[in-house]
N, C-alpha and C. Protein backbone atom coordinates (compact mmCIF):
# COMPACT_ATOMS: atom_id res chain seq x y z
N MET A 1 155.53 66.07 137.24
CA MET A 1 157.07 65.99 137.93
C MET A 1 157.21 67.49 138.78
N PRO A 2 157.01 67.84 139.50
CA PRO A 2 157.55 69.76 140.19
C PRO A 2 158.46 70.26 138.77
N PRO A 3 157.83 71.56 138.79
CA PRO A 3 158.97 72.58 137.67
C PRO A 3 160.37 72.65 138.45
N HIS A 4 161.55 73.41 137.72
CA HIS A 4 162.68 73.37 138.41
C HIS A 4 162.77 74.37 139.34
N MET A 5 162.86 74.27 140.20
CA MET A 5 162.90 75.07 141.86
C MET A 5 164.33 76.25 141.45
N LYS A 6 163.73 77.24 141.21
CA LYS A 6 164.31 78.83 141.63
C LYS A 6 164.95 79.10 142.83
N ASP A 7 163.54 79.34 143.92
CA ASP A 7 164.56 79.96 144.71
C ASP A 7 163.58 79.58 146.06
N ILE A 8 164.07 80.33 147.24
CA ILE A 8 164.07 79.49 148.27
C ILE A 8 162.90 78.39 148.90
N SER A 9 161.43 79.36 148.11
CA SER A 9 160.36 78.27 148.39
C SER A 9 160.35 77.01 147.50
N TYR A 10 161.33 77.23 146.45
CA TYR A 10 161.30 76.01 145.31
C TYR A 10 162.29 75.00 146.31
N ILE A 11 163.69 75.39 147.02
CA ILE A 11 163.95 74.26 147.62
C ILE A 11 163.31 73.77 149.10
N LEU A 12 162.43 74.71 149.56
CA LEU A 12 161.28 73.99 150.55
C LEU A 12 160.72 72.89 149.96
N ALA A 13 160.03 73.23 149.21
CA ALA A 13 159.59 72.51 148.05
C ALA A 13 160.15 71.24 148.26
N GLY A 14 160.90 71.10 147.23
CA GLY A 14 162.30 69.93 146.89
C GLY A 14 162.21 68.99 148.37
N ALA A 15 162.47 70.00 149.50
CA ALA A 15 162.93 69.13 150.65
C ALA A 15 161.71 68.27 151.15
N ILE A 16 160.60 69.10 151.01
CA ILE A 16 159.01 68.54 151.43
C ILE A 16 158.52 67.25 150.82
N LEU A 17 159.06 67.87 149.32
CA LEU A 17 158.55 66.36 148.29
C LEU A 17 159.45 65.80 148.39
N THR A 18 160.72 65.63 148.99
CA THR A 18 161.60 64.27 148.82
C THR A 18 161.32 63.68 150.36
N SER A 19 161.20 64.39 151.50
CA SER A 19 161.12 63.89 152.30
C SER A 19 159.60 62.87 152.16
N ALA A 20 158.49 63.44 151.77
CA ALA A 20 157.04 62.41 151.80
C ALA A 20 157.05 61.22 150.95
N LEU A 21 158.25 61.37 149.73
CA LEU A 21 158.53 60.29 148.96
C LEU A 21 159.49 59.27 149.81
N PHE A 22 160.74 59.65 150.69
CA PHE A 22 160.97 58.62 151.28
C PHE A 22 161.04 58.64 152.50
N ALA A 23 159.95 59.27 153.17
CA ALA A 23 159.77 59.01 154.88
C ALA A 23 158.94 58.20 155.13
N PRO A 24 159.14 57.54 156.41
CA PRO A 24 157.56 56.47 156.80
C PRO A 24 156.27 57.24 156.50
N ALA A 25 155.63 55.75 156.12
CA ALA A 25 154.24 55.78 155.95
C ALA A 25 153.17 57.48 156.84
N VAL A 26 153.88 57.65 157.97
CA VAL A 26 153.12 58.22 158.98
C VAL A 26 153.27 59.69 158.31
N ALA A 27 153.95 60.18 157.99
CA ALA A 27 154.44 61.33 157.04
C ALA A 27 153.38 61.81 156.30
N ARG A 28 153.28 63.09 156.05
CA ARG A 28 152.19 64.02 155.42
C ARG A 28 152.76 65.01 155.27
N ALA A 29 152.63 65.22 153.95
CA ALA A 29 153.05 67.01 153.63
C ALA A 29 152.16 67.06 152.26
N ASP A 30 151.24 67.86 152.33
CA ASP A 30 150.36 68.31 151.62
C ASP A 30 150.97 69.54 150.69
N ILE A 31 151.69 69.98 149.12
CA ILE A 31 151.83 70.91 149.20
C ILE A 31 151.35 71.54 148.09
N TYR A 32 151.12 73.08 148.29
CA TYR A 32 150.88 74.22 147.95
C TYR A 32 151.38 74.57 146.60
N THR A 33 150.71 75.44 145.82
CA THR A 33 151.50 76.06 144.69
C THR A 33 150.99 77.51 144.04
N PHE A 34 151.59 78.58 143.59
CA PHE A 34 150.96 79.03 142.98
C PHE A 34 151.93 80.31 142.57
N THR A 35 151.72 80.90 140.91
CA THR A 35 152.72 81.46 140.35
C THR A 35 152.26 82.89 139.99
N ASP A 36 153.55 83.84 140.59
CA ASP A 36 152.89 85.13 140.72
C ASP A 36 153.58 85.81 139.65
N ASP A 37 152.84 87.52 139.69
CA ASP A 37 153.09 87.96 138.09
C ASP A 37 154.11 87.95 137.13
N LYS A 38 155.19 87.56 137.92
CA LYS A 38 156.37 87.59 137.09
C LYS A 38 156.50 86.23 136.46
N GLY A 39 155.72 85.50 136.70
CA GLY A 39 155.02 83.90 136.57
C GLY A 39 155.99 82.94 136.90
N ILE A 40 157.02 83.54 138.27
CA ILE A 40 157.35 82.36 139.14
C ILE A 40 156.78 81.96 140.13
N LYS A 41 156.76 80.34 140.00
CA LYS A 41 155.93 79.61 140.63
C LYS A 41 156.20 79.37 142.13
N HIS A 42 155.71 79.17 143.06
CA HIS A 42 156.23 79.08 144.83
C HIS A 42 155.31 78.71 145.80
N TYR A 43 155.95 77.19 146.19
CA TYR A 43 155.19 76.37 147.49
C TYR A 43 155.53 76.31 148.26
N THR A 44 154.26 75.67 148.58
CA THR A 44 154.60 75.51 150.32
C THR A 44 153.87 74.42 150.85
N ASN A 45 153.86 74.40 152.21
CA ASN A 45 152.72 73.52 152.80
C ASN A 45 151.84 74.13 154.06
N LEU A 46 151.85 75.44 154.01
CA LEU A 46 151.41 76.04 154.79
C LEU A 46 150.28 77.13 154.07
N PRO A 47 149.38 75.92 153.19
CA PRO A 47 148.66 77.33 152.18
C PRO A 47 148.00 78.44 152.68
N ALA A 48 147.71 78.86 154.59
CA ALA A 48 147.30 79.75 155.18
C ALA A 48 147.82 80.87 154.87
N LEU A 49 148.89 80.66 154.54
CA LEU A 49 150.04 82.07 154.38
C LEU A 49 149.20 83.03 153.33
N ASP A 50 148.69 82.29 152.16
CA ASP A 50 148.70 83.33 150.98
C ASP A 50 147.19 82.14 150.44
N ARG A 51 145.99 82.79 150.77
CA ARG A 51 145.20 82.26 149.55
C ARG A 51 145.41 81.89 148.13
N ARG A 52 145.82 82.40 147.45
CA ARG A 52 146.67 82.22 146.07
C ARG A 52 147.18 80.78 145.92
N TYR A 53 147.82 79.94 146.85
CA TYR A 53 148.09 78.78 146.96
C TYR A 53 147.46 77.45 146.87
N LYS A 54 147.52 76.73 145.89
CA LYS A 54 146.05 75.72 145.62
C LYS A 54 147.13 74.71 145.59
N LEU A 55 146.38 73.28 145.63
CA LEU A 55 147.04 72.16 146.21
C LEU A 55 147.42 71.16 144.85
N ALA A 56 149.18 71.18 144.92
CA ALA A 56 149.51 70.88 144.42
C ALA A 56 150.04 69.07 144.28
N TRP A 57 150.34 68.75 145.46
CA TRP A 57 150.93 67.48 146.00
C TRP A 57 149.96 67.06 147.14
N LYS A 58 149.02 66.17 146.74
CA LYS A 58 148.60 65.34 148.12
C LYS A 58 149.11 64.21 148.36
N GLU A 59 149.72 64.07 149.32
CA GLU A 59 150.57 62.60 149.87
C GLU A 59 149.01 62.25 150.69
N GLY A 60 149.72 60.71 150.38
CA GLY A 60 148.58 59.82 150.82
C GLY A 60 149.70 58.59 150.18
N PRO A 61 149.25 57.29 150.26
CA PRO A 61 149.25 56.28 150.05
C PRO A 61 150.16 56.01 148.86
N ARG A 62 149.51 56.78 147.42
CA ARG A 62 149.18 56.78 146.42
C ARG A 62 149.45 57.90 146.30
N ALA A 63 150.44 59.05 146.66
CA ALA A 63 150.86 60.60 146.40
C ALA A 63 151.31 60.90 144.97
N THR A 64 151.15 62.05 144.46
CA THR A 64 151.24 62.02 142.65
C THR A 64 151.05 63.55 142.65
N TRP A 65 151.69 64.10 141.71
CA TRP A 65 152.29 65.24 141.38
C TRP A 65 150.60 65.63 140.51
N THR A 66 150.65 67.00 141.41
CA THR A 66 148.62 66.87 140.34
C THR A 66 148.71 68.47 140.33
N ALA A 67 150.06 69.27 140.29
CA ALA A 67 149.88 70.36 139.82
C ALA A 67 149.33 70.51 138.53
N THR A 68 148.87 70.25 136.92
CA THR A 68 148.72 70.36 136.16
C THR A 68 146.73 69.78 135.94
N ASN A 69 146.69 69.39 137.40
CA ASN A 69 144.95 69.12 137.22
C ASN A 69 144.31 69.87 138.28
N THR A 70 144.92 70.39 138.94
CA THR A 70 144.31 71.30 140.15
C THR A 70 143.61 72.92 139.82
N TYR A 71 144.57 73.54 138.87
CA TYR A 71 143.76 74.46 138.88
C TYR A 71 144.61 75.55 137.66
N MET A 72 143.65 76.17 137.13
CA MET A 72 143.81 76.74 135.97
C MET A 72 145.37 77.48 135.80
N PRO A 73 146.59 77.50 134.03
CA PRO A 73 147.55 78.44 134.45
C PRO A 73 147.43 79.81 134.61
N SER A 74 148.25 80.38 135.29
CA SER A 74 148.17 82.31 135.92
C SER A 74 148.38 82.54 134.22
N GLU A 75 147.67 84.13 134.10
CA GLU A 75 147.45 84.87 133.28
C GLU A 75 148.58 85.29 132.60
N ALA A 76 149.62 85.26 133.79
CA ALA A 76 151.46 85.14 132.65
C ALA A 76 151.93 84.36 132.10
N GLU A 77 151.66 83.32 132.77
CA GLU A 77 152.35 81.91 131.89
C GLU A 77 151.79 81.90 130.26
N ILE A 78 150.00 82.31 130.31
CA ILE A 78 149.24 81.84 129.40
C ILE A 78 149.76 82.81 128.20
N ALA A 79 149.89 83.93 128.46
CA ALA A 79 150.42 85.13 128.10
C ALA A 79 151.76 85.26 127.27
N ARG A 80 152.50 84.44 128.20
CA ARG A 80 154.16 84.33 127.76
C ARG A 80 154.04 83.61 126.49
N TYR A 81 152.83 82.32 126.27
CA TYR A 81 153.54 81.57 125.03
C TYR A 81 151.71 81.76 124.42
N LYS A 82 151.31 83.16 124.18
CA LYS A 82 149.82 83.02 124.16
C LYS A 82 149.99 83.40 122.13
N THR A 83 151.64 84.06 121.51
CA THR A 83 151.62 84.33 120.37
C THR A 83 152.25 83.52 119.57
N ILE A 84 152.95 82.42 120.47
CA ILE A 84 153.46 81.63 119.32
C ILE A 84 152.08 80.66 119.21
N VAL A 85 151.27 80.53 120.49
CA VAL A 85 150.17 79.22 120.14
C VAL A 85 149.62 79.83 119.06
N ASP A 86 148.52 80.98 119.01
CA ASP A 86 148.15 81.29 118.26
C ASP A 86 148.68 81.12 116.48
N VAL A 87 150.08 82.00 116.47
CA VAL A 87 150.70 81.54 115.05
C VAL A 87 150.70 79.93 114.52
N ALA A 88 151.19 78.95 115.81
CA ALA A 88 150.99 77.56 115.08
C ALA A 88 149.47 77.08 114.92
N SER A 89 148.65 77.46 116.10
CA SER A 89 147.30 77.17 115.78
C SER A 89 146.79 77.28 113.93
N ARG A 90 147.16 78.27 113.77
CA ARG A 90 146.36 79.21 112.50
C ARG A 90 147.05 78.25 111.48
N THR A 91 148.30 78.43 111.86
CA THR A 91 149.10 77.83 110.55
C THR A 91 149.25 76.15 110.17
N HIS A 92 148.62 75.58 111.02
CA HIS A 92 147.95 73.77 111.52
C HIS A 92 146.43 73.87 111.35
N GLY A 93 145.67 74.50 111.60
CA GLY A 93 144.27 74.87 111.66
C GLY A 93 143.92 73.81 112.91
N VAL A 94 143.95 74.14 114.03
CA VAL A 94 144.20 73.42 115.42
C VAL A 94 143.73 74.33 116.23
N GLU A 95 143.15 73.99 116.93
CA GLU A 95 142.20 75.26 117.75
C GLU A 95 143.28 75.21 119.34
N ASP A 96 143.53 77.12 119.16
CA ASP A 96 144.18 77.65 120.02
C ASP A 96 143.61 76.95 122.00
N SER A 97 142.73 76.70 121.97
CA SER A 97 141.72 76.61 123.00
C SER A 97 142.59 74.57 123.21
N LEU A 98 142.59 73.95 122.44
CA LEU A 98 142.71 73.01 122.54
C LEU A 98 144.71 72.78 122.66
N VAL A 99 145.10 73.45 121.85
CA VAL A 99 146.56 73.70 122.19
C VAL A 99 147.21 74.31 123.78
N HIS A 100 146.21 75.03 123.83
CA HIS A 100 146.94 75.47 125.07
C HIS A 100 146.57 74.53 126.43
N ALA A 101 145.31 73.75 126.10
CA ALA A 101 145.20 72.50 126.96
C ALA A 101 146.07 71.33 127.09
N VAL A 102 146.51 71.13 125.95
CA VAL A 102 147.19 70.01 126.30
C VAL A 102 148.72 70.74 126.58
N ILE A 103 148.99 71.93 126.50
CA ILE A 103 150.58 72.30 127.10
C ILE A 103 150.00 72.43 128.63
N THR A 104 148.63 72.76 129.59
CA THR A 104 148.48 72.85 130.74
C THR A 104 148.52 71.10 131.18
N ALA A 105 148.01 70.56 130.91
CA ALA A 105 147.83 69.16 131.11
C ALA A 105 149.33 68.51 131.35
N GLU A 106 150.26 69.07 130.37
CA GLU A 106 151.59 68.07 129.97
C GLU A 106 152.99 68.61 130.42
N SER A 107 152.87 69.67 130.76
CA SER A 107 153.61 70.63 131.53
C SER A 107 153.71 71.67 132.23
N ALA A 108 152.44 72.13 132.27
CA ALA A 108 151.87 73.72 133.22
C ALA A 108 152.99 74.62 132.65
N TYR A 109 152.84 74.65 130.93
CA TYR A 109 154.28 75.84 130.93
C TYR A 109 155.05 75.89 130.93
N ASN A 110 155.49 74.65 132.05
CA ASN A 110 157.31 74.71 132.14
C ASN A 110 158.20 74.38 130.15
N PRO A 111 158.83 75.34 130.17
CA PRO A 111 159.72 74.91 128.76
C PRO A 111 160.21 73.92 129.00
N LYS A 112 160.78 73.32 130.23
CA LYS A 112 162.14 72.90 130.47
C LYS A 112 161.61 71.15 131.37
N ALA A 113 160.70 71.19 130.94
CA ALA A 113 160.04 70.11 131.44
C ALA A 113 160.57 68.93 130.84
N VAL A 114 160.73 68.02 131.77
CA VAL A 114 161.24 66.18 130.93
C VAL A 114 160.76 65.58 131.90
N SER A 115 160.17 64.54 131.03
CA SER A 115 159.59 63.02 132.62
C SER A 115 160.63 62.26 132.19
N LYS A 116 160.22 61.52 133.01
CA LYS A 116 161.05 59.93 133.33
C LYS A 116 161.09 59.42 131.84
N ALA A 117 159.88 59.52 130.94
CA ALA A 117 159.97 58.82 130.00
C ALA A 117 160.58 59.38 128.50
N GLY A 118 161.42 60.41 129.14
CA GLY A 118 161.87 61.69 127.97
C GLY A 118 161.49 62.22 127.42
N ALA A 119 160.17 62.42 127.16
CA ALA A 119 159.13 63.57 126.72
C ALA A 119 160.28 64.72 126.82
N GLN A 120 160.11 65.80 126.53
CA GLN A 120 160.78 66.91 126.69
C GLN A 120 160.24 68.20 126.56
N GLY A 121 159.97 69.08 126.79
CA GLY A 121 159.66 70.91 126.62
C GLY A 121 158.40 71.13 126.77
N ILE A 122 157.70 71.95 126.63
CA ILE A 122 156.80 72.54 127.11
C ILE A 122 155.01 71.87 126.37
N MET A 123 155.15 71.32 125.15
CA MET A 123 154.23 70.08 124.90
C MET A 123 154.80 68.68 125.19
N GLN A 124 155.97 68.28 125.73
CA GLN A 124 156.28 67.18 126.13
C GLN A 124 156.80 66.31 124.93
N LEU A 125 157.35 66.57 124.25
CA LEU A 125 157.30 65.76 122.93
C LEU A 125 158.28 64.51 122.44
N MET A 126 158.17 62.90 122.75
CA MET A 126 159.51 62.34 122.69
C MET A 126 160.29 62.28 121.88
N PRO A 127 161.40 62.16 122.01
CA PRO A 127 162.51 62.31 120.88
C PRO A 127 162.01 61.43 119.52
N GLY A 128 161.57 61.06 119.04
CA GLY A 128 160.74 59.97 118.64
C GLY A 128 159.82 60.97 117.13
N THR A 129 159.09 61.57 118.12
CA THR A 129 157.91 62.63 117.61
C THR A 129 158.61 64.07 116.91
N ALA A 130 159.36 64.73 118.29
CA ALA A 130 159.91 66.22 117.98
C ALA A 130 161.30 65.94 116.12
N LYS A 131 161.09 64.90 116.08
CA LYS A 131 162.11 64.55 115.02
C LYS A 131 160.98 64.01 113.76
N ARG A 132 160.15 63.61 114.35
CA ARG A 132 158.95 63.49 113.45
C ARG A 132 158.77 64.48 112.20
N TYR A 133 158.57 65.43 113.21
CA TYR A 133 158.18 66.94 112.64
C TYR A 133 158.51 67.83 112.74
N GLY A 134 160.04 67.89 112.54
CA GLY A 134 161.00 68.98 112.27
C GLY A 134 161.69 69.60 113.27
N VAL A 135 161.71 68.81 114.88
CA VAL A 135 162.11 69.67 115.90
C VAL A 135 163.29 69.17 116.16
N SER A 136 164.29 70.25 116.23
CA SER A 136 165.68 69.43 116.50
C SER A 136 166.06 70.40 117.88
N ASN A 137 165.49 70.92 118.91
CA ASN A 137 165.89 71.30 119.69
C ASN A 137 163.96 71.80 120.65
N SER A 138 163.74 70.14 121.07
CA SER A 138 162.75 70.65 122.23
C SER A 138 162.35 71.65 123.30
N MET A 139 163.62 72.42 123.97
CA MET A 139 163.53 72.66 124.86
C MET A 139 163.03 74.80 124.56
N ASP A 140 163.10 74.70 122.94
CA ASP A 140 162.87 76.32 122.93
C ASP A 140 160.99 75.93 122.71
N PRO A 141 160.56 76.94 122.71
CA PRO A 141 159.01 76.96 122.97
C PRO A 141 158.46 76.83 122.03
N ALA A 142 159.02 77.64 121.05
CA ALA A 142 159.01 78.08 119.58
C ALA A 142 158.68 76.51 118.81
N GLU A 143 159.92 75.96 118.77
CA GLU A 143 159.91 75.06 117.79
C GLU A 143 158.78 73.73 118.49
N ASN A 144 158.96 73.52 119.65
CA ASN A 144 158.38 72.51 120.76
C ASN A 144 156.52 72.23 119.89
N ILE A 145 156.32 73.85 120.41
CA ILE A 145 154.54 73.90 120.31
C ILE A 145 154.35 73.88 118.59
N GLN A 146 155.18 74.29 117.86
CA GLN A 146 155.07 74.41 116.45
C GLN A 146 155.09 72.31 116.24
N GLY A 147 156.20 72.05 116.46
CA GLY A 147 155.98 70.13 116.65
C GLY A 147 154.49 69.54 117.27
N GLY A 148 154.62 70.55 118.34
CA GLY A 148 153.42 69.73 118.95
C GLY A 148 152.16 70.15 118.12
N VAL A 149 151.83 71.00 117.66
CA VAL A 149 150.55 71.29 116.78
C VAL A 149 150.39 70.35 115.59
N LYS A 150 151.70 70.43 114.79
CA LYS A 150 151.54 69.36 113.91
C LYS A 150 150.93 68.39 114.38
N TYR A 151 151.65 68.04 115.56
CA TYR A 151 151.06 66.30 115.72
C TYR A 151 149.53 66.21 115.90
N LEU A 152 148.94 67.05 116.70
CA LEU A 152 147.89 67.34 117.10
C LEU A 152 147.07 67.13 115.41
N LYS A 153 147.36 68.56 114.94
CA LYS A 153 146.87 68.41 113.53
C LYS A 153 146.59 66.76 112.76
N PHE A 154 147.45 66.43 112.98
CA PHE A 154 147.88 64.71 112.73
C PHE A 154 146.50 63.54 112.83
N LEU A 155 147.00 63.79 114.75
CA LEU A 155 146.01 62.74 115.08
C LEU A 155 144.78 63.71 114.72
N LEU A 156 144.04 65.19 114.46
CA LEU A 156 142.54 64.82 114.66
C LEU A 156 142.22 64.56 112.90
N THR A 157 143.01 64.75 112.15
CA THR A 157 142.97 64.54 110.60
C THR A 157 142.63 62.82 110.72
N LEU A 158 143.78 62.12 111.12
CA LEU A 158 143.54 60.32 111.15
C LEU A 158 142.00 60.00 111.95
N PHE A 159 141.64 60.82 113.10
CA PHE A 159 140.85 59.88 114.15
C PHE A 159 138.83 61.58 113.56
N ASN A 160 139.47 62.27 112.72
CA ASN A 160 138.05 62.60 111.72
C ASN A 160 137.80 63.37 112.77
N GLY A 161 138.52 64.28 113.12
CA GLY A 161 137.66 65.45 113.96
C GLY A 161 138.11 65.47 115.38
N ASN A 162 137.88 63.85 116.11
CA ASN A 162 137.46 63.04 116.94
C ASN A 162 138.49 64.06 118.11
N LYS A 163 138.05 65.46 119.05
CA LYS A 163 139.34 65.20 119.63
C LYS A 163 139.60 64.13 120.66
N GLU A 164 138.64 64.14 121.53
CA GLU A 164 138.81 62.46 122.56
C GLU A 164 139.97 61.56 122.07
N LEU A 165 139.87 61.31 120.63
CA LEU A 165 140.80 60.34 120.63
C LEU A 165 141.83 60.97 120.10
N ALA A 166 142.04 61.92 119.78
CA ALA A 166 143.62 62.79 119.01
C ALA A 166 143.98 62.96 120.20
N ILE A 167 143.44 63.63 121.46
CA ILE A 167 144.08 63.13 122.65
C ILE A 167 144.32 62.24 123.30
N ALA A 168 143.84 60.90 123.37
CA ALA A 168 144.12 60.14 123.83
C ALA A 168 145.55 59.16 122.73
N GLY A 169 145.50 59.34 121.33
CA GLY A 169 146.77 59.45 120.53
C GLY A 169 147.70 60.34 121.05
N TYR A 170 147.71 61.74 121.11
CA TYR A 170 148.59 62.63 122.13
C TYR A 170 149.65 61.40 123.11
N ASN A 171 148.74 61.10 123.69
CA ASN A 171 149.24 60.72 125.11
C ASN A 171 149.56 59.09 125.08
N ALA A 172 149.02 58.34 124.28
CA ALA A 172 149.61 56.54 124.25
C ALA A 172 150.13 56.32 122.86
N GLY A 173 149.97 57.73 121.69
CA GLY A 173 150.43 57.30 120.03
C GLY A 173 149.17 56.77 120.03
N GLU A 174 149.07 57.17 118.41
CA GLU A 174 148.23 56.68 117.48
C GLU A 174 148.01 55.59 117.51
N ASN A 175 148.86 54.31 117.33
CA ASN A 175 148.88 52.82 117.19
C ASN A 175 148.04 52.08 118.23
N ALA A 176 148.02 53.02 119.48
CA ALA A 176 147.23 52.41 120.76
C ALA A 176 146.07 52.47 120.47
N VAL A 177 145.79 53.49 119.64
CA VAL A 177 143.96 53.61 119.80
C VAL A 177 143.50 53.09 118.24
N ILE A 178 144.54 53.07 117.25
CA ILE A 178 144.09 52.03 116.38
C ILE A 178 144.05 50.63 117.03
N ARG A 179 144.93 50.16 117.63
CA ARG A 179 145.01 48.93 117.78
C ARG A 179 143.85 48.75 118.39
N ASN A 180 143.04 49.51 119.49
CA ASN A 180 141.86 49.44 120.57
C ASN A 180 140.50 49.68 119.67
N GLY A 181 141.06 49.53 118.58
CA GLY A 181 139.58 49.98 117.54
C GLY A 181 138.87 50.99 117.46
N ASN A 182 139.89 51.78 117.38
CA ASN A 182 140.07 53.65 117.37
C ASN A 182 138.95 54.24 118.48
N ARG A 183 138.99 53.59 119.52
CA ARG A 183 138.93 54.22 121.15
C ARG A 183 139.67 53.93 122.15
N ILE A 184 139.67 55.06 122.88
CA ILE A 184 140.34 55.05 123.58
C ILE A 184 141.04 54.14 124.40
N PRO A 185 142.50 53.67 124.50
CA PRO A 185 142.90 53.09 125.12
C PRO A 185 143.05 52.40 126.50
N PRO A 186 142.66 51.22 126.97
CA PRO A 186 142.46 51.31 128.50
C PRO A 186 143.33 51.45 129.08
N TYR A 187 144.71 52.69 129.29
CA TYR A 187 145.55 52.66 130.33
C TYR A 187 145.25 53.68 131.05
N ALA A 188 145.39 53.39 132.70
CA ALA A 188 145.07 53.72 133.42
C ALA A 188 145.79 55.27 133.05
N GLU A 189 146.69 55.67 132.74
CA GLU A 189 147.35 57.13 132.17
C GLU A 189 146.42 57.84 131.77
N THR A 190 146.31 57.23 130.12
CA THR A 190 145.89 57.55 129.10
C THR A 190 143.86 58.02 129.46
N THR A 191 143.13 57.04 130.29
CA THR A 191 142.00 57.53 130.55
C THR A 191 142.02 58.29 131.86
N ALA A 192 142.83 58.90 132.24
CA ALA A 192 142.61 59.89 133.29
C ALA A 192 143.39 61.26 132.47
N TYR A 193 144.36 60.98 131.45
CA TYR A 193 144.48 61.97 131.02
C TYR A 193 143.34 62.63 129.83
N VAL A 194 142.16 62.15 129.49
CA VAL A 194 141.53 62.40 127.93
C VAL A 194 140.31 63.39 128.82
N PRO A 195 139.87 63.24 129.73
CA PRO A 195 138.86 64.02 130.07
C PRO A 195 139.33 65.17 131.09
N LYS A 196 141.10 64.74 131.39
CA LYS A 196 141.66 66.31 132.02
C LYS A 196 141.96 67.25 131.28
N VAL A 197 142.30 66.89 129.75
CA VAL A 197 142.80 67.88 128.93
C VAL A 197 141.41 68.24 127.94
N MET A 198 140.34 67.60 128.02
CA MET A 198 139.07 68.09 127.94
C MET A 198 138.49 69.00 128.60
N GLU A 199 138.82 68.79 129.51
CA GLU A 199 138.18 70.33 130.88
C GLU A 199 138.76 71.20 130.72
N TYR A 200 140.33 70.89 130.38
CA TYR A 200 141.05 72.28 130.45
C TYR A 200 140.27 73.30 129.16
N TYR A 201 140.40 72.14 128.03
CA TYR A 201 139.89 72.78 126.65
C TYR A 201 138.44 72.97 127.01
N ARG A 202 137.63 73.08 127.66
CA ARG A 202 136.31 73.85 127.87
C ARG A 202 136.65 74.86 128.63
N LYS A 203 137.53 75.19 129.03
CA LYS A 203 137.45 76.34 130.23
C LYS A 203 138.17 77.14 129.52
N PHE A 204 139.31 76.84 128.69
CA PHE A 204 140.21 77.86 127.78
C PHE A 204 138.89 78.12 126.87
N GLU A 205 138.18 77.55 126.32
CA GLU A 205 136.86 77.96 125.48
C GLU A 205 135.88 78.85 125.89
N ALA A 206 135.84 78.62 127.58
CA ALA A 206 134.70 79.64 128.27
C ALA A 206 135.79 81.15 128.24
N ARG A 207 136.75 80.74 129.08
CA ARG A 207 137.57 82.19 128.51
C ARG A 207 137.25 83.41 127.77
N LYS A 208 136.90 82.44 126.32
CA LYS A 208 136.57 83.54 124.97
C LYS A 208 135.00 83.96 125.12
N GLY A 209 134.16 84.09 125.83
CA GLY A 209 132.75 84.19 125.73
C GLY A 209 132.29 85.66 126.79
């Protein structure tokens, strides 16, 4: 789901996305986005205007919002939450690259993100998970990240350090992984989510080199 729209480019994107969803099938409106140095996201259907724009919405028979799996977040987006991620990662013994990878896949660093299923905040915590890990305000990035990292630590411990199973559990719930014989559940969303997060994880690890 696209981030909240803050300026005229966001309004334009919203109009285009709405028409893409509800117009006749012959309509086509691919959407491109980039984040500027101030951390503000911009959208357009005319990417030639600026080479910084990357594909975020591919219109077609099964159009989906793909902003989180088409490009790496900007340095400004990462830096804004780096300290919080570093502290939570050290506190709970979870690799910071894995935390950043989950954040990228879950919300693209949007702390106000809310999914149709009710997941909230930068690490998209479901209300039950937030309560379970002591998060009283999921829209507070510091609280949300602490809760999300605690959950990741639980999952990594439960699945003996297996990142793919932990990621699958983060998406589908640990019980779904367990019921599937400690394998990635055969849900379309989860089987797409795990390699996406692992790809982001490898990219964040490579940044350290």
